[in-house]
Each structure stands twice: as C-alpha cells, then as structure tokens.
C-alpha cells in the first residue's frame, strides 16, 4: 500500500515536469533549453534553501519508512 503512495508522488512529479517541458515546446523553445529552468533554480539557491528542497523531496520516502517501522513494531 505504501509503495502506491510513492508511485503516486513519482507520477505527479513526472506529470509536472512534462507539463512544463510541453509548454516550453509549444511556445517554440528548443528541447535542450527546456531543462535550463532546473539548472537556473539550483544555481540561484542558497545552501539552506537547497537543504529544504531536498528534505521536501525525500519527505514522502521518510513518511513511508516511518509508517512501515511503526507497523513492524506493532506486529511484534
């Protein structure tokens, strides 16, 4: 059940990325330049902001791992 949650997060991330790239493609932006928004975001962030971004990216994985550990303790 928890794997489904991670898959949903992955699908939503892929859909969001594909929407951004497809809008760039429809406006005439070259495909290679469509990914430049990712590098521009990472270049302009400070270390503290980057830590927050990484924590929020891994938060679903952390939640699933904690819930699995709690269920394992309850079974014992």
PDB file of N, CA and C in Angstrom:
ATOM      1  N   UNK A   1       0.820  -1.199   0.000  1.00  0.00           N
ATOM      2  CA  UNK A   1       0.000   0.000   0.000  1.00  0.00           C
ATOM      3  C   UNK A   1       0.861   1.258   0.000  1.00  0.00           C
ATOM      4  N   UNK A   2       1.941   1.263   0.779  1.00  0.00           N
ATOM      5  CA  UNK A   2       2.792   2.449   0.875  1.00  0.00           C
ATOM      6  C   UNK A   2       3.589   2.676  -0.407  1.00  0.00           C
ATOM      7  N   UNK A   3       3.867   1.596  -1.120  1.00  0.00           N
ATOM      8  CA  UNK A   3       4.576   1.748  -2.395  1.00  0.00           C
ATOM      9  C   UNK A   3       3.704   2.523  -3.378  1.00  0.00           C
ATOM     10  N   UNK A   4       2.399   2.332  -3.280  1.00  0.00           N
ATOM     11  CA  UNK A   4       1.487   3.064  -4.165  1.00  0.00           C
ATOM     12  C   UNK A   4       1.595   4.563  -3.935  1.00  0.00           C
ATOM     13  N   UNK A   5       1.762   4.959  -2.677  1.00  0.00           N
ATOM     14  CA  UNK A   5       1.894   6.383  -2.370  1.00  0.00           C
ATOM     15  C   UNK A   5       3.150   6.951  -3.028  1.00  0.00           C
ATOM     16  N   UNK A   6       4.258   6.217  -2.935  1.00  0.00           N
ATOM     17  CA  UNK A   6       5.489   6.671  -3.578  1.00  0.00           C
ATOM     18  C   UNK A   6       5.339   6.733  -5.093  1.00  0.00           C
ATOM     19  N   UNK A   7       4.629   5.767  -5.668  1.00  0.00           N
ATOM     20  CA  UNK A   7       4.395   5.793  -7.110  1.00  0.00           C
ATOM     21  C   UNK A   7       3.531   6.989  -7.513  1.00  0.00           C
ATOM     22  N   UNK A   8       2.569   7.327  -6.683  1.00  0.00           N
ATOM     23  CA  UNK A   8       1.725   8.494  -6.975  1.00  0.00           C
ATOM     24  C   UNK A   8       2.566   9.769  -6.962  1.00  0.00           C
ATOM     25  N   UNK A   9       3.465   9.909  -5.971  1.00  0.00           N
ATOM     26  CA  UNK A   9       4.355  11.065  -5.935  1.00  0.00           C
ATOM     27  C   UNK A   9       5.243  11.109  -7.180  1.00  0.00           C
ATOM     28  N   UNK A  10       5.761   9.964  -7.594  1.00  0.00           N
ATOM     29  CA  UNK A  10       6.618   9.913  -8.781  1.00  0.00           C
ATOM     30  C   UNK A  10       5.835  10.291 -10.038  1.00  0.00           C
ATOM     31  N   UNK A  11       4.624   9.777 -10.164  1.00  0.00           N
ATOM     32  CA  UNK A  11       3.799  10.092 -11.339  1.00  0.00           C
ATOM     33  C   UNK A  11       3.466  11.579 -11.369  1.00  0.00           C
ATOM     34  N   UNK A  12       3.128  12.152 -10.208  1.00  0.00           N
ATOM     35  CA  UNK A  12       2.823  13.582 -10.169  1.00  0.00           C
ATOM     36  C   UNK A  12       4.050  14.423 -10.523  1.00  0.00           C
ATOM     37  N   UNK A  13       5.224  14.008 -10.072  1.00  0.00           N
ATOM     38  CA  UNK A  13       6.443  14.739 -10.419  1.00  0.00           C
ATOM     39  C   UNK A  13       6.714  14.660 -11.915  1.00  0.00           C
ATOM     40  N   UNK A  14       6.549  13.487 -12.489  1.00  0.00           N
ATOM     41  CA  UNK A  14       6.774  13.317 -13.932  1.00  0.00           C
ATOM     42  C   UNK A  14       5.752  14.125 -14.731  1.00  0.00           C
ATOM     43  N   UNK A  15       4.500  14.113 -14.298  1.00  0.00           N
ATOM     44  CA  UNK A  15       3.477  14.899 -14.992  1.00  0.00           C
ATOM     45  C   UNK A  15       3.757  16.397 -14.912  1.00  0.00           C
ATOM     46  N   UNK A  16       4.175  16.865 -13.750  1.00  0.00           N
ATOM     47  CA  UNK A  16       4.511  18.288 -13.614  1.00  0.00           C
ATOM     48  C   UNK A  16       5.665  18.687 -14.501  1.00  0.00           C
ATOM     49  N   UNK A  17       6.697  17.851 -14.527  1.00  0.00           N
ATOM     50  CA  UNK A  17       7.844  18.128 -15.386  1.00  0.00           C
ATOM     51  C   UNK A  17       7.458  18.089 -16.861  1.00  0.00           C
ATOM     52  N   UNK A  18       6.615  17.129 -17.231  1.00  0.00           N
ATOM     53  CA  UNK A  18       6.206  17.042 -18.634  1.00  0.00           C
ATOM     54  C   UNK A  18       5.332  18.219 -19.044  1.00  0.00           C
ATOM     55  N   UNK A  19       4.533  18.733 -18.127  1.00  0.00           N
ATOM     56  CA  UNK A  19       3.710  19.913 -18.446  1.00  0.00           C
ATOM     57  C   UNK A  19       4.598  21.124 -18.701  1.00  0.00           C
ATOM     58  N   UNK A  20       5.588  21.323 -17.853  1.00  0.00           N
ATOM     59  CA  UNK A  20       6.494  22.460 -18.025  1.00  0.00           C
ATOM     60  C   UNK A  20       7.250  22.344 -19.341  1.00  0.00           C
ATOM     61  N   UNK A  21       7.750  21.159 -19.642  1.00  0.00           N
ATOM     62  CA  UNK A  21       8.512  20.956 -20.882  1.00  0.00           C
ATOM     63  C   UNK A  21       7.610  21.085 -22.100  1.00  0.00           C
ATOM     64  N   UNK A  22       6.386  20.551 -22.025  1.00  0.00           N
ATOM     65  CA  UNK A  22       5.495  20.638 -23.190  1.00  0.00           C
ATOM     66  C   UNK A  22       5.063  22.074 -23.458  1.00  0.00           C
ATOM     67  N   UNK A  23       4.877  22.874 -22.401  1.00  0.00           N
ATOM     68  CA  UNK A  23       4.535  24.286 -22.618  1.00  0.00           C
ATOM     69  C   UNK A  23       5.703  25.009 -23.280  1.00  0.00           C
ATOM     70  N   UNK A  24       6.929  24.726 -22.828  1.00  0.00           N
ATOM     71  CA  UNK A  24       8.102  25.315 -23.482  1.00  0.00           C
ATOM     72  C   UNK A  24       8.177  24.883 -24.935  1.00  0.00           C
ATOM     73  N   UNK A  25       7.908  23.613 -25.189  1.00  0.00           N
ATOM     74  CA  UNK A  25       7.976  23.084 -26.553  1.00  0.00           C
ATOM     75  C   UNK A  25       6.922  23.738 -27.438  1.00  0.00           C
ATOM     76  N   UNK A  26       5.711  23.951 -26.919  1.00  0.00           N
ATOM     77  CA  UNK A  26       4.651  24.571 -27.706  1.00  0.00           C
ATOM     78  C   UNK A  26       4.931  26.044 -28.006  1.00  0.00           C
ATOM     79  N   UNK A  27       5.682  26.706 -27.133  1.00  0.00           N
ATOM     80  CA  UNK A  27       6.000  28.106 -27.382  1.00  0.00           C
ATOM     81  C   UNK A  27       7.214  28.274 -28.291  1.00  0.00           C
ATOM     82  N   UNK A  28       7.832  27.174 -28.671  1.00  0.00           N
ATOM     83  CA  UNK A  28       8.949  27.237 -29.612  1.00  0.00           C
ATOM     84  C   UNK A  28      10.317  27.165 -28.970  1.00  0.00           C
ATOM     85  N   UNK A  29      10.380  26.897 -27.689  1.00  0.00           N
ATOM     86  CA  UNK A  29      11.668  26.773 -27.013  1.00  0.00           C
ATOM     87  C   UNK A  29      12.306  25.445 -27.397  1.00  0.00           C
ATOM     88  N   UNK A  30      13.581  25.441 -27.741  1.00  0.00           N
ATOM     89  CA  UNK A  30      14.235  24.174 -28.070  1.00  0.00           C
ATOM     90  C   UNK A  30      14.210  23.209 -26.890  1.00  0.00           C
ATOM     91  N   UNK A  31      14.165  21.930 -27.207  1.00  0.00           N
ATOM     92  CA  UNK A  31      14.058  20.897 -26.177  1.00  0.00           C
ATOM     93  C   UNK A  31      15.241  20.922 -25.218  1.00  0.00           C
ATOM     94  N   UNK A  32      16.434  21.191 -25.731  1.00  0.00           N
ATOM     95  CA  UNK A  32      17.614  21.216 -24.862  1.00  0.00           C
ATOM     96  C   UNK A  32      17.564  22.380 -23.876  1.00  0.00           C
ATOM     97  N   UNK A  33      16.905  23.444 -24.244  1.00  0.00           N
ATOM     98  CA  UNK A  33      16.809  24.615 -23.375  1.00  0.00           C
ATOM     99  C   UNK A  33      15.649  24.508 -22.385  1.00  0.00           C
ATOM    100  N   UNK A  34      14.760  23.540 -22.609  1.00  0.00           N
ATOM    101  CA  UNK A  34      13.621  23.364 -21.716  1.00  0.00           C
ATOM    102  C   UNK A  34      14.055  22.951 -20.320  1.00  0.00           C
ATOM    103  N   UNK A  35      15.163  22.259 -20.213  1.00  0.00           N
ATOM    104  CA  UNK A  35      15.651  21.820 -18.908  1.00  0.00           C
ATOM    105  C   UNK A  35      16.501  22.878 -18.215  1.00  0.00           C
ATOM    106  N   UNK A  36      16.727  23.993 -18.851  1.00  0.00           N
ATOM    107  CA  UNK A  36      17.576  25.019 -18.254  1.00  0.00           C
ATOM    108  C   UNK A  36      16.944  25.646 -17.011  1.00  0.00           C
ATOM    109  N   UNK A  37      15.616  25.526 -16.867  1.00  0.00           N
ATOM    110  CA  UNK A  37      14.985  26.088 -15.676  1.00  0.00           C
ATOM    111  C   UNK A  37      15.434  25.333 -14.429  1.00  0.00           C
ATOM    112  N   UNK A  38      15.743  24.053 -14.546  1.00  0.00           N
ATOM    113  CA  UNK A  38      16.220  23.300 -13.386  1.00  0.00           C
ATOM    114  C   UNK A  38      17.589  23.794 -12.936  1.00  0.00           C
ATOM    115  N   UNK A  39      18.474  24.009 -13.875  1.00  0.00           N
ATOM    116  CA  UNK A  39      19.808  24.478 -13.502  1.00  0.00           C
ATOM    117  C   UNK A  39      19.766  25.902 -12.984  1.00  0.00           C
ATOM    118  N   UNK A  40      18.894  26.737 -13.553  1.00  0.00           N
ATOM    119  CA  UNK A  40      18.808  28.115 -13.061  1.00  0.00           C
ATOM    120  C   UNK A  40      18.231  28.168 -11.647  1.00  0.00           C
ATOM    121  N   UNK A  41      17.338  27.246 -11.321  1.00  0.00           N
ATOM    122  CA  UNK A  41      16.804  27.187  -9.961  1.00  0.00           C
ATOM    123  C   UNK A  41      17.901  26.781  -8.988  1.00  0.00           C
ATOM    124  N   UNK A  42      18.664  25.764  -9.334  1.00  0.00           N
ATOM    125  CA  UNK A  42      19.691  25.261  -8.421  1.00  0.00           C
ATOM    126  C   UNK A  42      20.870  26.220  -8.282  1.00  0.00           C
ATOM    127  N   UNK A  43      21.156  27.009  -9.309  1.00  0.00           N
ATOM    128  CA  UNK A  43      22.275  27.941  -9.247  1.00  0.00           C
ATOM    129  C   UNK A  43      21.954  29.111  -8.316  1.00  0.00           C
ATOM    130  N   UNK A  44      20.711  29.535  -8.298  1.00  0.00           N
ATOM    131  CA  UNK A  44      20.357  30.725  -7.528  1.00  0.00           C
ATOM    132  C   UNK A  44      19.944  30.435  -6.088  1.00  0.00           C
ATOM    133  N   UNK A  45      19.921  29.179  -5.680  1.00  0.00           N
ATOM    134  CA  UNK A  45      19.514  28.864  -4.308  1.00  0.00           C
ATOM    135  C   UNK A  45      20.709  28.873  -3.364  1.00  0.00           C
ATOM    136  N   UNK A  46      20.434  29.219  -2.123  1.00  0.00           N
ATOM    137  CA  UNK A  46      21.468  29.154  -1.096  1.00  0.00           C
ATOM    138  C   UNK A  46      21.522  27.737  -0.536  1.00  0.00           C
ATOM    139  N   UNK A  47      22.494  27.477   0.299  1.00  0.00           N
ATOM    140  CA  UNK A  47      22.645  26.141   0.869  1.00  0.00           C
ATOM    141  C   UNK A  47      21.434  25.770   1.727  1.00  0.00           C
ATOM    142  N   UNK A  48      20.941  26.714   2.503  1.00  0.00           N
ATOM    143  CA  UNK A  48      19.796  26.448   3.367  1.00  0.00           C
ATOM    144  C   UNK A  48      18.545  26.117   2.550  1.00  0.00           C
ATOM    145  N   UNK A  49      18.338  26.853   1.471  1.00  0.00           N
ATOM    146  CA  UNK A  49      17.195  26.570   0.603  1.00  0.00           C
ATOM    147  C   UNK A  49      17.334  25.211  -0.064  1.00  0.00           C
ATOM    148  N   UNK A  50      18.538  24.860  -0.447  1.00  0.00           N
ATOM    149  CA  UNK A  50      18.771  23.566  -1.062  1.00  0.00           C
ATOM    150  C   UNK A  50      18.488  22.427  -0.084  1.00  0.00           C
ATOM    151  N   UNK A  51      18.849  22.615   1.173  1.00  0.00           N
ATOM    152  CA  UNK A  51      18.549  21.601   2.189  1.00  0.00           C
ATOM    153  C   UNK A  51      17.041  21.425   2.346  1.00  0.00           C
ATOM    154  N   UNK A  52      16.300  22.524   2.352  1.00  0.00           N
ATOM    155  CA  UNK A  52      14.839  22.453   2.468  1.00  0.00           C
ATOM    156  C   UNK A  52      14.243  21.753   1.253  1.00  0.00           C
ATOM    157  N   UNK A  53      14.729  22.048   0.066  1.00  0.00           N
ATOM    158  CA  UNK A  53      14.240  21.403  -1.151  1.00  0.00           C
ATOM    159  C   UNK A  53      14.482  19.901  -1.083  1.00  0.00           C
ATOM    160  N   UNK A  54      15.664  19.489  -0.657  1.00  0.00           N
ATOM    161  CA  UNK A  54      15.991  18.071  -0.573  1.00  0.00           C
ATOM    162  C   UNK A  54      15.126  17.376   0.468  1.00  0.00           C
ATOM    163  N   UNK A  55      14.908  18.036   1.605  1.00  0.00           N
ATOM    164  CA  UNK A  55      14.058  17.439   2.651  1.00  0.00           C
ATOM    165  C   UNK A  55      12.642  17.237   2.119  1.00  0.00           C
ATOM    166  N   UNK A  56      12.094  18.222   1.432  1.00  0.00           N
ATOM    167  CA  UNK A  56      10.752  18.080   0.909  1.00  0.00           C
ATOM    168  C   UNK A  56      10.668  17.054  -0.215  1.00  0.00           C
ATOM    169  N   UNK A  57      11.742  16.864  -0.963  1.00  0.00           N
ATOM    170  CA  UNK A  57      11.735  15.824  -1.992  1.00  0.00           C
ATOM    171  C   UNK A  57      11.722  14.432  -1.374  1.00  0.00           C
ATOM    172  N   UNK A  58      12.439  14.259  -0.266  1.00  0.00           N
ATOM    173  CA  UNK A  58      12.525  12.942   0.360  1.00  0.00           C
ATOM    174  C   UNK A  58      11.485  12.728   1.450  1.00  0.00           C
ATOM    175  N   UNK A  59      10.655  13.708   1.724  1.00  0.00           N
ATOM    176  CA  UNK A  59       9.648  13.579   2.774  1.00  0.00           C
ATOM    177  C   UNK A  59       8.683  12.417   2.556  1.00  0.00           C
ATOM    178  N   UNK A  60       8.169  12.173   1.352  1.00  0.00           N
ATOM    179  CA  UNK A  60       7.292  11.010   1.166  1.00  0.00           C
ATOM    180  C   UNK A  60       7.998   9.690   1.481  1.00  0.00           C
ATOM    181  N   UNK A  61       9.256   9.574   1.096  1.00  0.00           N
ATOM    182  CA  UNK A  61      10.005   8.349   1.359  1.00  0.00           C
ATOM    183  C   UNK A  61      10.207   8.179   2.862  1.00  0.00           C
ATOM    184  N   UNK A  62      10.493   9.264   3.554  1.00  0.00           N
ATOM    185  CA  UNK A  62      10.690   9.212   5.005  1.00  0.00           C
ATOM    186  C   UNK A  62       9.387   8.820   5.701  1.00  0.00           C
ATOM    187  N   UNK A  63       8.271   9.379   5.256  1.00  0.00           N
ATOM    188  CA  UNK A  63       6.978   9.050   5.859  1.00  0.00           C
ATOM    189  C   UNK A  63       6.641   7.577   5.679  1.00  0.00           C
ATOM    190  N   UNK A  64       6.864   7.055   4.504  1.00  0.00           N
ATOM    191  CA  UNK A  64       6.573   5.646   4.244  1.00  0.00           C
ATOM    192  C   UNK A  64       7.475   4.755   5.090  1.00  0.00           C
ATOM    193  N   UNK A  65       8.738   5.108   5.220  1.00  0.00           N
ATOM    194  CA  UNK A  65       9.661   4.308   6.030  1.00  0.00           C
ATOM    195  C   UNK A  65       9.268   4.333   7.505  1.00  0.00           C
ATOM    196  N   UNK A  66       8.869   5.483   8.014  1.00  0.00           N
ATOM    197  CA  UNK A  66       8.450   5.575   9.416  1.00  0.00           C
ATOM    198  C   UNK A  66       7.173   4.784   9.681  1.00  0.00           C
ATOM    199  N   UNK A  67       6.224   4.850   8.771  1.00  0.00           N
ATOM    200  CA  UNK A  67       4.985   4.092   8.940  1.00  0.00           C
ATOM    201  C   UNK A  67       5.242   2.591   8.860  1.00  0.00           C
ATOM    202  N   UNK A  68       6.139   2.178   7.991  1.00  0.00           N
ATOM    203  CA  UNK A  68       6.475   0.753   7.892  1.00  0.00           C
ATOM    204  C   UNK A  68       7.146   0.280   9.176  1.00  0.00           C
ATOM    205  N   UNK A  69       7.987   1.104   9.753  1.00  0.00           N
ATOM    206  CA  UNK A  69       8.654   0.745  11.005  1.00  0.00           C
ATOM    207  C   UNK A  69       7.660   0.651  12.149  1.00  0.00           C
ATOM    208  N   UNK A  70       6.680   1.555  12.175  1.00  0.00           N
ATOM    209  CA  UNK A  70       5.665   1.508  13.227  1.00  0.00           C
ATOM    210  C   UNK A  70       4.802   0.251  13.105  1.00  0.00           C
ATOM    211  N   UNK A  71       4.436  -0.123  11.891  1.00  0.00           N
ATOM    212  CA  UNK A  71       3.644  -1.328  11.696  1.00  0.00           C
ATOM    213  C   UNK A  71       4.438  -2.567  12.080  1.00  0.00           C
ATOM    214  N   UNK A  72       5.737  -2.550  11.815  1.00  0.00           N
ATOM    215  CA  UNK A  72       6.575  -3.689  12.176  1.00  0.00           C
ATOM    216  C   UNK A  72       6.651  -3.827  13.698  1.00  0.00           C
ATOM    217  N   UNK A  73       6.738  -2.717  14.411  1.00  0.00           N
ATOM    218  CA  UNK A  73       6.756  -2.751  15.881  1.00  0.00           C
ATOM    219  C   UNK A  73       5.419  -3.239  16.432  1.00  0.00           C
ATOM    220  N   UNK A  74       4.314  -2.844  15.790  1.00  0.00           N
ATOM    221  CA  UNK A  74       3.003  -3.267  16.266  1.00  0.00           C
ATOM    222  C   UNK A  74       2.799  -4.771  16.066  1.00  0.00           C
ATOM    223  N   UNK A  75       3.356  -5.352  15.038  1.00  0.00           N
ATOM    224  CA  UNK A  75       3.226  -6.767  14.775  1.00  0.00           C
ATOM    225  C   UNK A  75       4.006  -7.613  15.776  1.00  0.00           C
ATOM    226  N   UNK A  76       5.075  -7.047  16.299  1.00  0.00           N
ATOM    227  CA  UNK A  76       5.897  -7.786  17.250  1.00  0.00           C
ATOM    228  C   UNK A  76       5.301  -7.677  18.579  1.00  0.00           C
TER     229      UNK A  76
END
